[in-house]
């Protein structure tokens, strides 16, 4: 399985946190979380960064990671990874999961092995991970988990904190501090 990690841009990352973090702080947070996601994903699979951003491509190159163009959107990133692997198994894992662990991904891989598809919801009803094969109609945005699951109703639903707790809103910074996450 090839796991794609979409990263739009470090320079404009986490804009919803702009009242609490400066642009350099948001950039650093995004890089730290991406480093963490790549490190964890690399323990279970080959990884490719899916981006259209030159700065992210340089970052990936510095870590010897291949890249694919994201087509300008998260849905486009998903389509890019699917096109890249053809009918082979693929995964799409978000980069803003500071608590993700190897055990989380092993659980998802086991679910994929059992059902041929694994999907992990984020805490707010989004989708933080999809593992499948063949074509897939990505539909990210609010409530994307239900739209994705509707396409693969047999999918293993992976409910794990490391996959559910993504960082998008100011209150997420609070829980990161509360659990003393140091990336």
C-alpha atoms as a PDB file:
ATOM      1  CA  UNK A   1       0.000   0.000   0.000  1.00  0.00           C
ATOM      2  CA  UNK A   2       1.133   3.515  -0.788  1.00  0.00           C
ATOM      3  CA  UNK A   3      -0.007   6.167   1.701  1.00  0.00           C
ATOM      4  CA  UNK A   4      -0.444   9.660   0.316  1.00  0.00           C
ATOM      5  CA  UNK A   5      -0.215  12.570   2.719  1.00  0.00           C
ATOM      6  CA  UNK A   6      -1.791  15.720   1.279  1.00  0.00           C
ATOM      7  CA  UNK A   7      -0.184  18.995   2.348  1.00  0.00           C
ATOM      8  CA  UNK A   8      -1.538  22.134   0.703  1.00  0.00           C
ATOM      9  CA  UNK A   9       0.926  24.746   1.980  1.00  0.00           C
ATOM     10  CA  UNK A  10       2.955  25.501   5.077  1.00  0.00           C
ATOM     11  CA  UNK A  11       2.804  29.254   4.426  1.00  0.00           C
ATOM     12  CA  UNK A  12      -1.001  29.392   4.614  1.00  0.00           C
ATOM     13  CA  UNK A  13      -1.560  26.436   6.950  1.00  0.00           C
ATOM     14  CA  UNK A  14      -4.047  26.552   9.797  1.00  0.00           C
ATOM     15  CA  UNK A  15      -5.513  29.984   9.003  1.00  0.00           C
ATOM     16  CA  UNK A  16      -8.404  29.307  11.409  1.00  0.00           C
ATOM     17  CA  UNK A  17      -5.801  29.546  14.177  1.00  0.00           C
ATOM     18  CA  UNK A  18      -4.626  33.007  13.103  1.00  0.00           C
ATOM     19  CA  UNK A  19      -6.103  34.758  16.162  1.00  0.00           C
ATOM     20  CA  UNK A  20      -3.971  32.547  18.409  1.00  0.00           C
ATOM     21  CA  UNK A  21      -0.806  31.861  16.423  1.00  0.00           C
ATOM     22  CA  UNK A  22       1.360  34.080  14.243  1.00  0.00           C
ATOM     23  CA  UNK A  23       2.009  33.019  10.636  1.00  0.00           C
ATOM     24  CA  UNK A  24       5.490  31.668  11.559  1.00  0.00           C
ATOM     25  CA  UNK A  25       3.964  29.720  14.475  1.00  0.00           C
ATOM     26  CA  UNK A  26       1.259  28.251  12.225  1.00  0.00           C
ATOM     27  CA  UNK A  27       3.898  27.300   9.658  1.00  0.00           C
ATOM     28  CA  UNK A  28       6.036  25.615  12.316  1.00  0.00           C
ATOM     29  CA  UNK A  29       3.024  23.748  13.742  1.00  0.00           C
ATOM     30  CA  UNK A  30       2.100  22.495  10.268  1.00  0.00           C
ATOM     31  CA  UNK A  31       5.661  21.332   9.606  1.00  0.00           C
ATOM     32  CA  UNK A  32       5.900  19.568  12.971  1.00  0.00           C
ATOM     33  CA  UNK A  33       2.601  17.761  12.433  1.00  0.00           C
ATOM     34  CA  UNK A  34       3.568  16.809   8.863  1.00  0.00           C
ATOM     35  CA  UNK A  35       6.932  15.486  10.089  1.00  0.00           C
ATOM     36  CA  UNK A  36       5.114  13.428  12.694  1.00  0.00           C
ATOM     37  CA  UNK A  37       2.524  12.049  10.236  1.00  0.00           C
ATOM     38  CA  UNK A  38       5.216  11.122   7.704  1.00  0.00           C
ATOM     39  CA  UNK A  39       7.370   9.468  10.360  1.00  0.00           C
ATOM     40  CA  UNK A  40       4.476   7.373  11.670  1.00  0.00           C
ATOM     41  CA  UNK A  41       3.129   6.454   8.224  1.00  0.00           C
ATOM     42  CA  UNK A  42       6.629   5.427   7.120  1.00  0.00           C
ATOM     43  CA  UNK A  43       6.691   2.753   9.833  1.00  0.00           C
ATOM     44  CA  UNK A  44       3.895   0.829   8.104  1.00  0.00           C
ATOM     45  CA  UNK A  45       4.044   1.731   4.414  1.00  0.00           C
ATOM     46  CA  UNK A  46       5.679   3.659   1.623  1.00  0.00           C
ATOM     47  CA  UNK A  47       4.710   7.342   1.737  1.00  0.00           C
ATOM     48  CA  UNK A  48       4.224  10.002  -0.904  1.00  0.00           C
ATOM     49  CA  UNK A  49       3.468  13.689  -0.264  1.00  0.00           C
ATOM     50  CA  UNK A  50       0.654  15.084  -2.392  1.00  0.00           C
ATOM     51  CA  UNK A  51       0.992  18.832  -2.926  1.00  0.00           C
ATOM     52  CA  UNK A  52       1.004  21.648  -5.414  1.00  0.00           C
ATOM     53  CA  UNK A  53       3.208  23.861  -3.247  1.00  0.00           C
ATOM     54  CA  UNK A  54       6.899  24.429  -4.072  1.00  0.00           C
ATOM     55  CA  UNK A  55       7.860  24.912  -0.387  1.00  0.00           C
ATOM     56  CA  UNK A  56       6.207  21.607   0.580  1.00  0.00           C
ATOM     57  CA  UNK A  57       7.955  19.860  -2.325  1.00  0.00           C
ATOM     58  CA  UNK A  58      11.307  21.156  -1.020  1.00  0.00           C
ATOM     59  CA  UNK A  59      10.451  19.965   2.487  1.00  0.00           C
ATOM     60  CA  UNK A  60       9.527  16.526   1.116  1.00  0.00           C
ATOM     61  CA  UNK A  61      12.706  16.382  -0.968  1.00  0.00           C
ATOM     62  CA  UNK A  62      14.751  17.109   2.141  1.00  0.00           C
ATOM     63  CA  UNK A  63      13.220  13.985   3.659  1.00  0.00           C
ATOM     64  CA  UNK A  64      13.729  11.909   0.496  1.00  0.00           C
ATOM     65  CA  UNK A  65       9.962  11.668  -0.007  1.00  0.00           C
ATOM     66  CA  UNK A  66       8.475  11.555  -3.496  1.00  0.00           C
ATOM     67  CA  UNK A  67       5.684  13.986  -4.374  1.00  0.00           C
ATOM     68  CA  UNK A  68       2.599  14.115  -6.568  1.00  0.00           C
ATOM     69  CA  UNK A  69       0.694  17.192  -7.669  1.00  0.00           C
ATOM     70  CA  UNK A  70      -2.549  17.614  -5.701  1.00  0.00           C
ATOM     71  CA  UNK A  71      -4.608  19.155  -8.493  1.00  0.00           C
ATOM     72  CA  UNK A  72      -5.365  22.152  -6.283  1.00  0.00           C
ATOM     73  CA  UNK A  73      -7.629  20.520  -3.694  1.00  0.00           C
ATOM     74  CA  UNK A  74      -7.915  17.780  -1.112  1.00  0.00           C
ATOM     75  CA  UNK A  75     -10.249  15.849  -3.409  1.00  0.00           C
ATOM     76  CA  UNK A  76      -7.659  16.311  -6.166  1.00  0.00           C
ATOM     77  CA  UNK A  77      -4.973  14.941  -3.852  1.00  0.00           C
ATOM     78  CA  UNK A  78      -7.034  11.802  -3.369  1.00  0.00           C
ATOM     79  CA  UNK A  79      -7.537  11.406  -7.099  1.00  0.00           C
ATOM     80  CA  UNK A  80      -3.802  11.887  -7.670  1.00  0.00           C
ATOM     81  CA  UNK A  81      -2.876   9.020  -5.346  1.00  0.00           C
ATOM     82  CA  UNK A  82      -5.509   6.751  -6.927  1.00  0.00           C
ATOM     83  CA  UNK A  83      -4.211   7.540 -10.435  1.00  0.00           C
ATOM     84  CA  UNK A  84      -0.662   6.916  -9.255  1.00  0.00           C
ATOM     85  CA  UNK A  85      -1.330   3.387  -7.968  1.00  0.00           C
ATOM     86  CA  UNK A  86      -4.001   2.217 -10.423  1.00  0.00           C
ATOM     87  CA  UNK A  87      -5.864  -0.753  -8.955  1.00  0.00           C
ATOM     88  CA  UNK A  88      -3.332  -1.304  -6.162  1.00  0.00           C
ATOM     89  CA  UNK A  89      -4.043  -0.499  -2.523  1.00  0.00           C
ATOM     90  CA  UNK A  90      -3.739   3.126  -1.475  1.00  0.00           C
ATOM     91  CA  UNK A  91      -4.222   5.254   1.616  1.00  0.00           C
ATOM     92  CA  UNK A  92      -4.861   8.947   2.113  1.00  0.00           C
ATOM     93  CA  UNK A  93      -3.808  10.203   5.543  1.00  0.00           C
ATOM     94  CA  UNK A  94      -4.151  13.753   6.795  1.00  0.00           C
ATOM     95  CA  UNK A  95      -1.056  15.501   8.095  1.00  0.00           C
ATOM     96  CA  UNK A  96      -2.660  17.374  11.015  1.00  0.00           C
ATOM     97  CA  UNK A  97      -2.979  14.463  13.441  1.00  0.00           C
ATOM     98  CA  UNK A  98      -0.553  15.172  16.299  1.00  0.00           C
ATOM     99  CA  UNK A  99      -1.546  12.088  18.316  1.00  0.00           C
ATOM    100  CA  UNK A 100      -1.349   9.545  15.494  1.00  0.00           C
ATOM    101  CA  UNK A 101       0.617   6.417  16.311  1.00  0.00           C
ATOM    102  CA  UNK A 102       1.883   3.346  14.535  1.00  0.00           C
ATOM    103  CA  UNK A 103      -0.777   1.363  16.422  1.00  0.00           C
ATOM    104  CA  UNK A 104      -3.479   3.581  14.872  1.00  0.00           C
ATOM    105  CA  UNK A 105      -2.245   2.811  11.373  1.00  0.00           C
ATOM    106  CA  UNK A 106      -1.791  -0.888  12.126  1.00  0.00           C
ATOM    107  CA  UNK A 107      -5.407  -0.951  13.285  1.00  0.00           C
ATOM    108  CA  UNK A 108      -6.483   0.696  10.028  1.00  0.00           C
ATOM    109  CA  UNK A 109      -4.385  -1.737   7.989  1.00  0.00           C
ATOM    110  CA  UNK A 110      -5.991  -4.672   9.829  1.00  0.00           C
ATOM    111  CA  UNK A 111      -9.441  -3.242   9.069  1.00  0.00           C
ATOM    112  CA  UNK A 112      -8.436  -2.767   5.444  1.00  0.00           C
ATOM    113  CA  UNK A 113      -7.199  -6.358   5.329  1.00  0.00           C
ATOM    114  CA  UNK A 114     -10.486  -7.651   6.737  1.00  0.00           C
ATOM    115  CA  UNK A 115     -12.867  -5.510   4.674  1.00  0.00           C
ATOM    116  CA  UNK A 116     -10.945  -4.164   1.686  1.00  0.00           C
ATOM    117  CA  UNK A 117     -11.496  -0.600   2.882  1.00  0.00           C
ATOM    118  CA  UNK A 118     -10.923   1.327   6.112  1.00  0.00           C
ATOM    119  CA  UNK A 119     -12.177   4.822   6.907  1.00  0.00           C
ATOM    120  CA  UNK A 120     -11.428   6.885  10.009  1.00  0.00           C
ATOM    121  CA  UNK A 121     -13.650   9.781  11.043  1.00  0.00           C
ATOM    122  CA  UNK A 122     -12.263  12.894  12.618  1.00  0.00           C
ATOM    123  CA  UNK A 123     -13.882  14.243  15.777  1.00  0.00           C
ATOM    124  CA  UNK A 124     -16.037  16.719  13.814  1.00  0.00           C
ATOM    125  CA  UNK A 125     -17.452  14.317  11.212  1.00  0.00           C
ATOM    126  CA  UNK A 126     -14.699  14.788   8.654  1.00  0.00           C
ATOM    127  CA  UNK A 127     -12.435  12.046   7.340  1.00  0.00           C
ATOM    128  CA  UNK A 128      -8.842  11.723   8.486  1.00  0.00           C
ATOM    129  CA  UNK A 129      -7.891   8.462   6.752  1.00  0.00           C
ATOM    130  CA  UNK A 130      -9.153   6.334   3.893  1.00  0.00           C
ATOM    131  CA  UNK A 131      -7.532   3.067   2.821  1.00  0.00           C
ATOM    132  CA  UNK A 132      -8.936   1.310  -0.219  1.00  0.00           C
ATOM    133  CA  UNK A 133      -8.081   0.270  -3.761  1.00  0.00           C
ATOM    134  CA  UNK A 134      -9.342   1.260  -7.169  1.00  0.00           C
ATOM    135  CA  UNK A 135     -11.353   4.373  -7.907  1.00  0.00           C
ATOM    136  CA  UNK A 136     -13.005   6.464  -5.224  1.00  0.00           C
ATOM    137  CA  UNK A 137     -15.069   9.660  -5.387  1.00  0.00           C
ATOM    138  CA  UNK A 138     -13.457  11.844  -2.730  1.00  0.00           C
ATOM    139  CA  UNK A 139     -15.811  14.379  -1.169  1.00  0.00           C
ATOM    140  CA  UNK A 140     -14.006  16.258   1.575  1.00  0.00           C
ATOM    141  CA  UNK A 141     -15.596  19.059   3.574  1.00  0.00           C
ATOM    142  CA  UNK A 142     -18.095  19.113   6.444  1.00  0.00           C
ATOM    143  CA  UNK A 143     -19.600  15.677   7.182  1.00  0.00           C
ATOM    144  CA  UNK A 144     -17.305  13.982   4.661  1.00  0.00           C
ATOM    145  CA  UNK A 145     -17.068  10.810   6.738  1.00  0.00           C
ATOM    146  CA  UNK A 146     -20.701   9.901   6.027  1.00  0.00           C
ATOM    147  CA  UNK A 147     -20.317  10.621   2.286  1.00  0.00           C
ATOM    148  CA  UNK A 148     -17.170   8.502   2.129  1.00  0.00           C
ATOM    149  CA  UNK A 149     -18.708   5.658   4.124  1.00  0.00           C
ATOM    150  CA  UNK A 150     -21.783   5.682   1.884  1.00  0.00           C
ATOM    151  CA  UNK A 151     -19.492   4.744  -1.018  1.00  0.00           C
ATOM    152  CA  UNK A 152     -18.005   1.811   0.881  1.00  0.00           C
ATOM    153  CA  UNK A 153     -20.658   0.725   3.426  1.00  0.00           C
ATOM    154  CA  UNK A 154     -18.673  -2.440   4.124  1.00  0.00           C
ATOM    155  CA  UNK A 155     -15.600  -0.457   5.170  1.00  0.00           C
ATOM    156  CA  UNK A 156     -13.993  -0.984   8.543  1.00  0.00           C
ATOM    157  CA  UNK A 157     -14.653   2.157  10.591  1.00  0.00           C
ATOM    158  CA  UNK A 158     -11.528   2.953  12.570  1.00  0.00           C
ATOM    159  CA  UNK A 159     -12.354   4.824  15.779  1.00  0.00           C
ATOM    160  CA  UNK A 160      -9.077   5.816  17.388  1.00  0.00           C
ATOM    161  CA  UNK A 161      -8.120   9.054  19.118  1.00  0.00           C
ATOM    162  CA  UNK A 162      -4.909   9.388  17.112  1.00  0.00           C
ATOM    163  CA  UNK A 163      -6.913   9.426  13.898  1.00  0.00           C
ATOM    164  CA  UNK A 164      -9.861  11.433  15.191  1.00  0.00           C
ATOM    165  CA  UNK A 165      -8.121  14.368  16.847  1.00  0.00           C
ATOM    166  CA  UNK A 166      -7.044  16.721  14.103  1.00  0.00           C
ATOM    167  CA  UNK A 167      -6.005  20.330  14.629  1.00  0.00           C
ATOM    168  CA  UNK A 168      -8.262  22.885  12.952  1.00  0.00           C
ATOM    169  CA  UNK A 169      -9.795  25.164  15.580  1.00  0.00           C
ATOM    170  CA  UNK A 170      -8.424  27.222  18.506  1.00  0.00           C
ATOM    171  CA  UNK A 171      -9.834  24.793  21.097  1.00  0.00           C
ATOM    172  CA  UNK A 172      -7.646  22.080  19.566  1.00  0.00           C
ATOM    173  CA  UNK A 173      -4.607  24.059  20.635  1.00  0.00           C
ATOM    174  CA  UNK A 174      -5.948  23.883  24.181  1.00  0.00           C
ATOM    175  CA  UNK A 175      -6.248  20.102  24.175  1.00  0.00           C
ATOM    176  CA  UNK A 176      -2.806  19.820  22.632  1.00  0.00           C
ATOM    177  CA  UNK A 177      -1.486  21.845  25.572  1.00  0.00           C
ATOM    178  CA  UNK A 178      -3.631  19.896  28.060  1.00  0.00           C
ATOM    179  CA  UNK A 179      -2.120  16.588  27.005  1.00  0.00           C
ATOM    180  CA  UNK A 180       1.296  18.251  26.693  1.00  0.00           C
ATOM    181  CA  UNK A 181       1.834  17.194  23.115  1.00  0.00           C
ATOM    182  CA  UNK A 182       5.308  18.049  21.993  1.00  0.00           C
ATOM    183  CA  UNK A 183       5.861  17.385  18.336  1.00  0.00           C
END
